[in-house]
PDB file of N, CA and C in Angstrom:
ATOM      1  N   UNK A   1      40.221 -21.759  52.271  1.00  0.00           N
ATOM      2  CA  UNK A   1      41.517 -21.975  52.854  1.00  0.00           C
ATOM      3  C   UNK A   1      41.605 -23.418  53.308  1.00  0.00           C
ATOM      4  N   UNK A   2      42.755 -23.948  53.189  1.00  0.00           N
ATOM      5  CA  UNK A   2      42.961 -25.325  53.594  1.00  0.00           C
ATOM      6  C   UNK A   2      44.157 -25.434  54.505  1.00  0.00           C
ATOM      7  N   UNK A   3      44.466 -26.638  54.844  1.00  0.00           N
ATOM      8  CA  UNK A   3      45.588 -26.925  55.714  1.00  0.00           C
ATOM      9  C   UNK A   3      46.535 -27.850  54.977  1.00  0.00           C
ATOM     10  N   UNK A   4      47.825 -27.564  55.064  1.00  0.00           N
ATOM     11  CA  UNK A   4      48.827 -28.407  54.425  1.00  0.00           C
ATOM     12  C   UNK A   4      48.716 -29.810  54.973  1.00  0.00           C
ATOM     13  N   UNK A   5      48.648 -30.787  54.080  1.00  0.00           N
ATOM     14  CA  UNK A   5      48.405 -32.155  54.501  1.00  0.00           C
ATOM     15  C   UNK A   5      49.622 -33.016  54.695  1.00  0.00           C
ATOM     16  N   UNK A   6      50.812 -32.526  54.364  1.00  0.00           N
ATOM     17  CA  UNK A   6      52.000 -33.357  54.513  1.00  0.00           C
ATOM     18  C   UNK A   6      52.029 -34.461  53.464  1.00  0.00           C
ATOM     19  N   UNK A   7      52.561 -35.598  53.816  1.00  0.00           N
ATOM     20  CA  UNK A   7      52.643 -36.721  52.897  1.00  0.00           C
ATOM     21  C   UNK A   7      51.261 -37.347  52.686  1.00  0.00           C
ATOM     22  N   UNK A   8      50.947 -37.664  51.442  1.00  0.00           N
ATOM     23  CA  UNK A   8      49.666 -38.281  51.126  1.00  0.00           C
ATOM     24  C   UNK A   8      49.945 -39.713  50.688  1.00  0.00           C
ATOM     25  N   UNK A   9      49.470 -40.645  51.472  1.00  0.00           N
ATOM     26  CA  UNK A   9      49.701 -42.062  51.204  1.00  0.00           C
ATOM     27  C   UNK A   9      48.635 -42.586  50.253  1.00  0.00           C
ATOM     28  N   UNK A  10      48.995 -43.503  49.396  1.00  0.00           N
ATOM     29  CA  UNK A  10      48.080 -44.183  48.471  1.00  0.00           C
ATOM     30  C   UNK A  10      47.434 -43.225  47.477  1.00  0.00           C
ATOM     31  N   UNK A  11      48.144 -42.171  47.083  1.00  0.00           N
ATOM     32  CA  UNK A  11      47.623 -41.240  46.083  1.00  0.00           C
ATOM     33  C   UNK A  11      47.695 -41.910  44.713  1.00  0.00           C
ATOM     34  N   UNK A  12      46.623 -41.889  43.921  1.00  0.00           N
ATOM     35  CA  UNK A  12      46.583 -42.617  42.646  1.00  0.00           C
ATOM     36  C   UNK A  12      47.325 -41.892  41.522  1.00  0.00           C
ATOM     37  N   UNK A  13      48.651 -41.813  41.625  1.00  0.00           N
ATOM     38  CA  UNK A  13      49.439 -41.070  40.630  1.00  0.00           C
ATOM     39  C   UNK A  13      49.319 -41.678  39.233  1.00  0.00           C
ATOM     40  N   UNK A  14      49.200 -42.991  39.131  1.00  0.00           N
ATOM     41  CA  UNK A  14      49.026 -43.608  37.817  1.00  0.00           C
ATOM     42  C   UNK A  14      47.755 -43.136  37.147  1.00  0.00           C
ATOM     43  N   UNK A  15      46.692 -43.017  37.879  1.00  0.00           N
ATOM     44  CA  UNK A  15      45.424 -42.530  37.344  1.00  0.00           C
ATOM     45  C   UNK A  15      45.556 -41.083  36.891  1.00  0.00           C
ATOM     46  N   UNK A  16      46.276 -40.285  37.646  1.00  0.00           N
ATOM     47  CA  UNK A  16      46.509 -38.891  37.262  1.00  0.00           C
ATOM     48  C   UNK A  16      47.277 -38.839  35.945  1.00  0.00           C
ATOM     49  N   UNK A  17      48.302 -39.652  35.830  1.00  0.00           N
ATOM     50  CA  UNK A  17      49.115 -39.662  34.606  1.00  0.00           C
ATOM     51  C   UNK A  17      48.307 -40.162  33.412  1.00  0.00           C
ATOM     52  N   UNK A  18      47.511 -41.223  33.595  1.00  0.00           N
ATOM     53  CA  UNK A  18      46.718 -41.766  32.487  1.00  0.00           C
ATOM     54  C   UNK A  18      45.707 -40.762  31.953  1.00  0.00           C
ATOM     55  N   UNK A  19      45.259 -39.863  32.788  1.00  0.00           N
ATOM     56  CA  UNK A  19      44.277 -38.854  32.369  1.00  0.00           C
ATOM     57  C   UNK A  19      44.936 -37.539  31.948  1.00  0.00           C
ATOM     58  N   UNK A  20      46.269 -37.483  31.993  1.00  0.00           N
ATOM     59  CA  UNK A  20      47.018 -36.269  31.655  1.00  0.00           C
ATOM     60  C   UNK A  20      46.544 -35.063  32.466  1.00  0.00           C
ATOM     61  N   UNK A  21      46.307 -35.304  33.765  1.00  0.00           N
ATOM     62  CA  UNK A  21      45.845 -34.230  34.638  1.00  0.00           C
ATOM     63  C   UNK A  21      47.016 -33.393  35.130  1.00  0.00           C
ATOM     64  N   UNK A  22      46.750 -32.134  35.370  1.00  0.00           N
ATOM     65  CA  UNK A  22      47.732 -31.240  35.973  1.00  0.00           C
ATOM     66  C   UNK A  22      47.269 -30.956  37.393  1.00  0.00           C
ATOM     67  N   UNK A  23      48.198 -30.985  38.308  1.00  0.00           N
ATOM     68  CA  UNK A  23      47.900 -30.688  39.697  1.00  0.00           C
ATOM     69  C   UNK A  23      48.671 -29.420  40.064  1.00  0.00           C
ATOM     70  N   UNK A  24      47.924 -28.430  40.519  1.00  0.00           N
ATOM     71  CA  UNK A  24      48.553 -27.175  40.939  1.00  0.00           C
ATOM     72  C   UNK A  24      48.254 -26.961  42.417  1.00  0.00           C
ATOM     73  N   UNK A  25      49.208 -26.440  43.108  1.00  0.00           N
ATOM     74  CA  UNK A  25      49.025 -26.160  44.516  1.00  0.00           C
ATOM     75  C   UNK A  25      49.530 -24.768  44.838  1.00  0.00           C
ATOM     76  N   UNK A  26      49.243 -24.310  46.017  1.00  0.00           N
ATOM     77  CA  UNK A  26      49.737 -23.017  46.459  1.00  0.00           C
ATOM     78  C   UNK A  26      49.114 -22.642  47.786  1.00  0.00           C
ATOM     79  N   UNK A  27      49.701 -21.691  48.416  1.00  0.00           N
ATOM     80  CA  UNK A  27      49.197 -21.202  49.688  1.00  0.00           C
ATOM     81  C   UNK A  27      48.202 -20.066  49.444  1.00  0.00           C
ATOM     82  N   UNK A  28      47.220 -19.957  50.286  1.00  0.00           N
ATOM     83  CA  UNK A  28      46.262 -18.868  50.243  1.00  0.00           C
ATOM     84  C   UNK A  28      46.898 -17.654  50.914  1.00  0.00           C
ATOM     85  N   UNK A  29      46.752 -16.485  50.317  1.00  0.00           N
ATOM     86  CA  UNK A  29      47.325 -15.254  50.868  1.00  0.00           C
ATOM     87  C   UNK A  29      46.382 -14.677  51.930  1.00  0.00           C
ATOM     88  N   UNK A  30      46.254 -15.403  53.038  1.00  0.00           N
ATOM     89  CA  UNK A  30      45.291 -15.056  54.083  1.00  0.00           C
ATOM     90  C   UNK A  30      45.524 -13.647  54.621  1.00  0.00           C
ATOM     91  N   UNK A  31      46.743 -13.319  54.967  1.00  0.00           N
ATOM     92  CA  UNK A  31      47.029 -12.017  55.569  1.00  0.00           C
ATOM     93  C   UNK A  31      46.763 -10.873  54.596  1.00  0.00           C
ATOM     94  N   UNK A  32      46.914 -11.126  53.324  1.00  0.00           N
ATOM     95  CA  UNK A  32      46.680 -10.082  52.324  1.00  0.00           C
ATOM     96  C   UNK A  32      45.192  -9.773  52.172  1.00  0.00           C
ATOM     97  N   UNK A  33      44.354 -10.801  52.162  1.00  0.00           N
ATOM     98  CA  UNK A  33      42.940 -10.617  51.853  1.00  0.00           C
ATOM     99  C   UNK A  33      42.024 -10.533  53.079  1.00  0.00           C
ATOM    100  N   UNK A  34      42.483 -10.926  54.235  1.00  0.00           N
ATOM    101  CA  UNK A  34      41.622 -10.972  55.415  1.00  0.00           C
ATOM    102  C   UNK A  34      40.978  -9.631  55.757  1.00  0.00           C
ATOM    103  N   UNK A  35      41.723  -8.506  55.809  1.00  0.00           N
ATOM    104  CA  UNK A  35      41.064  -7.238  56.153  1.00  0.00           C
ATOM    105  C   UNK A  35      39.948  -6.866  55.169  1.00  0.00           C
ATOM    106  N   UNK A  36      40.173  -7.046  53.893  1.00  0.00           N
ATOM    107  CA  UNK A  36      39.159  -6.730  52.881  1.00  0.00           C
ATOM    108  C   UNK A  36      37.940  -7.632  53.030  1.00  0.00           C
ATOM    109  N   UNK A  37      38.168  -8.925  53.225  1.00  0.00           N
ATOM    110  CA  UNK A  37      37.055  -9.861  53.387  1.00  0.00           C
ATOM    111  C   UNK A  37      36.251  -9.564  54.646  1.00  0.00           C
ATOM    112  N   UNK A  38      36.938  -9.252  55.739  1.00  0.00           N
ATOM    113  CA  UNK A  38      36.229  -8.924  56.974  1.00  0.00           C
ATOM    114  C   UNK A  38      35.379  -7.664  56.809  1.00  0.00           C
ATOM    115  N   UNK A  39      35.892  -6.671  56.072  1.00  0.00           N
ATOM    116  CA  UNK A  39      35.104  -5.457  55.787  1.00  0.00           C
ATOM    117  C   UNK A  39      33.832  -5.805  55.039  1.00  0.00           C
ATOM    118  N   UNK A  40      33.925  -6.690  54.046  1.00  0.00           N
ATOM    119  CA  UNK A  40      32.745  -7.114  53.281  1.00  0.00           C
ATOM    120  C   UNK A  40      31.749  -7.867  54.165  1.00  0.00           C
ATOM    121  N   UNK A  41      32.251  -8.697  55.062  1.00  0.00           N
ATOM    122  CA  UNK A  41      31.375  -9.451  55.959  1.00  0.00           C
ATOM    123  C   UNK A  41      30.648  -8.503  56.911  1.00  0.00           C
ATOM    124  N   UNK A  42      31.388  -7.579  57.505  1.00  0.00           N
ATOM    125  CA  UNK A  42      30.791  -6.619  58.441  1.00  0.00           C
ATOM    126  C   UNK A  42      29.743  -5.760  57.743  1.00  0.00           C
ATOM    127  N   UNK A  43      29.997  -5.376  56.490  1.00  0.00           N
ATOM    128  CA  UNK A  43      29.058  -4.540  55.728  1.00  0.00           C
ATOM    129  C   UNK A  43      27.871  -5.338  55.196  1.00  0.00           C
ATOM    130  N   UNK A  44      27.909  -6.670  55.332  1.00  0.00           N
ATOM    131  CA  UNK A  44      26.794  -7.498  54.873  1.00  0.00           C
ATOM    132  C   UNK A  44      26.823  -7.858  53.400  1.00  0.00           C
ATOM    133  N   UNK A  45      27.930  -7.590  52.727  1.00  0.00           N
ATOM    134  CA  UNK A  45      28.043  -7.924  51.301  1.00  0.00           C
ATOM    135  C   UNK A  45      28.415  -9.390  51.083  1.00  0.00           C
ATOM    136  N   UNK A  46      29.010 -10.014  52.098  1.00  0.00           N
ATOM    137  CA  UNK A  46      29.373 -11.432  52.041  1.00  0.00           C
ATOM    138  C   UNK A  46      28.826 -12.104  53.296  1.00  0.00           C
ATOM    139  N   UNK A  47      28.200 -13.264  53.110  1.00  0.00           N
ATOM    140  CA  UNK A  47      27.708 -14.047  54.243  1.00  0.00           C
ATOM    141  C   UNK A  47      28.367 -15.427  54.200  1.00  0.00           C
ATOM    142  N   UNK A  48      29.423 -15.617  54.989  1.00  0.00           N
ATOM    143  CA  UNK A  48      30.145 -16.896  54.955  1.00  0.00           C
ATOM    144  C   UNK A  48      29.497 -17.996  55.783  1.00  0.00           C
ATOM    145  N   UNK A  49      28.357 -17.720  56.400  1.00  0.00           N
ATOM    146  CA  UNK A  49      27.769 -18.688  57.323  1.00  0.00           C
ATOM    147  C   UNK A  49      27.264 -19.961  56.648  1.00  0.00           C
ATOM    148  N   UNK A  50      27.155 -19.954  55.321  1.00  0.00           N
ATOM    149  CA  UNK A  50      26.643 -21.146  54.634  1.00  0.00           C
ATOM    150  C   UNK A  50      27.560 -22.349  54.785  1.00  0.00           C
ATOM    151  N   UNK A  51      28.824 -22.128  55.124  1.00  0.00           N
ATOM    152  CA  UNK A  51      29.746 -23.267  55.282  1.00  0.00           C
ATOM    153  C   UNK A  51      29.653 -23.902  56.665  1.00  0.00           C
ATOM    154  N   UNK A  52      29.011 -23.211  57.608  1.00  0.00           N
ATOM    155  CA  UNK A  52      28.895 -23.736  58.969  1.00  0.00           C
ATOM    156  C   UNK A  52      27.762 -24.751  59.012  1.00  0.00           C
ATOM    157  N   UNK A  53      28.116 -25.992  59.251  1.00  0.00           N
ATOM    158  CA  UNK A  53      27.113 -27.049  59.304  1.00  0.00           C
ATOM    159  C   UNK A  53      26.836 -27.515  60.724  1.00  0.00           C
ATOM    160  N   UNK A  54      27.751 -27.223  61.648  1.00  0.00           N
ATOM    161  CA  UNK A  54      27.601 -27.687  63.022  1.00  0.00           C
ATOM    162  C   UNK A  54      28.056 -26.606  64.000  1.00  0.00           C
ATOM    163  N   UNK A  55      27.254 -26.357  65.029  1.00  0.00           N
ATOM    164  CA  UNK A  55      27.609 -25.444  66.109  1.00  0.00           C
ATOM    165  C   UNK A  55      27.545 -26.235  67.410  1.00  0.00           C
ATOM    166  N   UNK A  56      28.653 -26.229  68.132  1.00  0.00           N
ATOM    167  CA  UNK A  56      28.740 -27.005  69.370  1.00  0.00           C
ATOM    168  C   UNK A  56      29.358 -26.157  70.473  1.00  0.00           C
ATOM    169  N   UNK A  57      29.041 -26.479  71.725  1.00  0.00           N
ATOM    170  CA  UNK A  57      29.719 -25.782  72.823  1.00  0.00           C
ATOM    171  C   UNK A  57      31.182 -26.221  72.884  1.00  0.00           C
ATOM    172  N   UNK A  58      31.998 -25.356  73.424  1.00  0.00           N
ATOM    173  CA  UNK A  58      33.431 -25.631  73.526  1.00  0.00           C
ATOM    174  C   UNK A  58      33.709 -26.931  74.258  1.00  0.00           C
ATOM    175  N   UNK A  59      32.842 -27.286  75.175  1.00  0.00           N
ATOM    176  CA  UNK A  59      33.034 -28.524  75.936  1.00  0.00           C
ATOM    177  C   UNK A  59      32.916 -29.766  75.058  1.00  0.00           C
ATOM    178  N   UNK A  60      32.344 -29.628  73.864  1.00  0.00           N
ATOM    179  CA  UNK A  60      32.202 -30.760  72.946  1.00  0.00           C
ATOM    180  C   UNK A  60      33.175 -30.663  71.764  1.00  0.00           C
ATOM    181  N   UNK A  61      34.312 -30.001  71.991  1.00  0.00           N
ATOM    182  CA  UNK A  61      35.301 -29.818  70.925  1.00  0.00           C
ATOM    183  C   UNK A  61      35.785 -31.155  70.368  1.00  0.00           C
ATOM    184  N   UNK A  62      36.041 -32.119  71.224  1.00  0.00           N
ATOM    185  CA  UNK A  62      36.526 -33.428  70.759  1.00  0.00           C
ATOM    186  C   UNK A  62      35.488 -34.094  69.854  1.00  0.00           C
ATOM    187  N   UNK A  63      34.223 -33.991  70.218  1.00  0.00           N
ATOM    188  CA  UNK A  63      33.145 -34.549  69.394  1.00  0.00           C
ATOM    189  C   UNK A  63      33.087 -33.831  68.042  1.00  0.00           C
ATOM    190  N   UNK A  64      33.205 -32.503  68.070  1.00  0.00           N
ATOM    191  CA  UNK A  64      33.194 -31.731  66.829  1.00  0.00           C
ATOM    192  C   UNK A  64      34.338 -32.108  65.915  1.00  0.00           C
ATOM    193  N   UNK A  65      35.519 -32.291  66.492  1.00  0.00           N
ATOM    194  CA  UNK A  65      36.675 -32.702  65.686  1.00  0.00           C
ATOM    195  C   UNK A  65      36.430 -34.065  65.055  1.00  0.00           C
ATOM    196  N   UNK A  66      35.876 -34.987  65.826  1.00  0.00           N
ATOM    197  CA  UNK A  66      35.596 -36.332  65.322  1.00  0.00           C
ATOM    198  C   UNK A  66      34.580 -36.284  64.174  1.00  0.00           C
ATOM    199  N   UNK A  67      33.528 -35.492  64.333  1.00  0.00           N
ATOM    200  CA  UNK A  67      32.517 -35.359  63.280  1.00  0.00           C
ATOM    201  C   UNK A  67      33.151 -34.809  62.008  1.00  0.00           C
ATOM    202  N   UNK A  68      33.990 -33.773  62.160  1.00  0.00           N
ATOM    203  CA  UNK A  68      34.650 -33.168  60.996  1.00  0.00           C
ATOM    204  C   UNK A  68      35.637 -34.136  60.355  1.00  0.00           C
ATOM    205  N   UNK A  69      36.471 -34.746  61.165  1.00  0.00           N
ATOM    206  CA  UNK A  69      37.506 -35.645  60.661  1.00  0.00           C
ATOM    207  C   UNK A  69      36.911 -36.796  59.860  1.00  0.00           C
ATOM    208  N   UNK A  70      35.824 -37.346  60.364  1.00  0.00           N
ATOM    209  CA  UNK A  70      35.205 -38.503  59.713  1.00  0.00           C
ATOM    210  C   UNK A  70      34.075 -38.141  58.762  1.00  0.00           C
ATOM    211  N   UNK A  71      33.893 -36.845  58.528  1.00  0.00           N
ATOM    212  CA  UNK A  71      32.877 -36.331  57.596  1.00  0.00           C
ATOM    213  C   UNK A  71      31.504 -36.959  57.862  1.00  0.00           C
ATOM    214  N   UNK A  72      31.138 -36.991  59.135  1.00  0.00           N
ATOM    215  CA  UNK A  72      29.836 -37.515  59.517  1.00  0.00           C
ATOM    216  C   UNK A  72      28.782 -36.419  59.375  1.00  0.00           C
ATOM    217  N   UNK A  73      27.553 -36.823  59.137  1.00  0.00           N
ATOM    218  CA  UNK A  73      26.422 -35.894  59.130  1.00  0.00           C
ATOM    219  C   UNK A  73      26.640 -34.727  58.157  1.00  0.00           C
ATOM    220  N   UNK A  74      27.306 -35.003  57.023  1.00  0.00           N
ATOM    221  CA  UNK A  74      27.579 -33.981  55.989  1.00  0.00           C
ATOM    222  C   UNK A  74      28.299 -32.758  56.554  1.00  0.00           C
ATOM    223  N   UNK A  75      29.252 -32.989  57.436  1.00  0.00           N
ATOM    224  CA  UNK A  75      29.961 -31.911  58.118  1.00  0.00           C
ATOM    225  C   UNK A  75      30.919 -31.194  57.161  1.00  0.00           C
ATOM    226  N   UNK A  76      30.834 -29.864  57.161  1.00  0.00           N
ATOM    227  CA  UNK A  76      31.758 -29.018  56.398  1.00  0.00           C
ATOM    228  C   UNK A  76      32.611 -28.171  57.351  1.00  0.00           C
ATOM    229  N   UNK A  77      31.942 -27.516  58.308  1.00  0.00           N
ATOM    230  CA  UNK A  77      32.658 -26.634  59.227  1.00  0.00           C
ATOM    231  C   UNK A  77      31.955 -26.688  60.587  1.00  0.00           C
ATOM    232  N   UNK A  78      32.765 -26.849  61.630  1.00  0.00           N
ATOM    233  CA  UNK A  78      32.255 -26.851  62.999  1.00  0.00           C
ATOM    234  C   UNK A  78      32.679 -25.553  63.669  1.00  0.00           C
ATOM    235  N   UNK A  79      31.737 -24.879  64.291  1.00  0.00           N
ATOM    236  CA  UNK A  79      32.023 -23.689  65.071  1.00  0.00           C
ATOM    237  C   UNK A  79      31.811 -24.029  66.538  1.00  0.00           C
ATOM    238  N   UNK A  80      32.836 -23.735  67.341  1.00  0.00           N
ATOM    239  CA  UNK A  80      32.746 -23.995  68.778  1.00  0.00           C
ATOM    240  C   UNK A  80      32.468 -22.674  69.486  1.00  0.00           C
ATOM    241  N   UNK A  81      31.515 -22.716  70.410  1.00  0.00           N
ATOM    242  CA  UNK A  81      31.151 -21.506  71.150  1.00  0.00           C
ATOM    243  C   UNK A  81      31.358 -21.720  72.638  1.00  0.00           C
ATOM    244  N   UNK A  82      31.947 -20.697  73.279  1.00  0.00           N
ATOM    245  CA  UNK A  82      32.094 -20.732  74.730  1.00  0.00           C
ATOM    246  C   UNK A  82      30.723 -20.510  75.361  1.00  0.00           C
ATOM    247  N   UNK A  83      30.521 -21.114  76.500  1.00  0.00           N
ATOM    248  CA  UNK A  83      29.202 -21.018  77.169  1.00  0.00           C
ATOM    249  C   UNK A  83      28.867 -19.628  77.615  1.00  0.00           C
TER     250      UNK A  83
END
C-alpha cells in the first residue's frame, strides 16, 4: 500500500516517452482485503514483519519520520511503540 503523492516535480516524462513505457496507477482496495489478510496473519500463514526495519518508542516519532523520509539506514518501515 502506498500514499497518494500529489504533484510530482521534475518527473522525467521525456525519458518515459523515449522508452515507450506505460505507467499505470490505482488505489489499493484496503477495506476489501484487510479482513482476509488479517486472518492469514493471525493464523501464521503470512508474516509481514520482514518489512519492519526500525522499531522506536512513540517518544521518538519525529526521529522515525526523519529516518523514513530520508531513507536513512536502509529504512523501509518504522513501527512506533507506546512505552
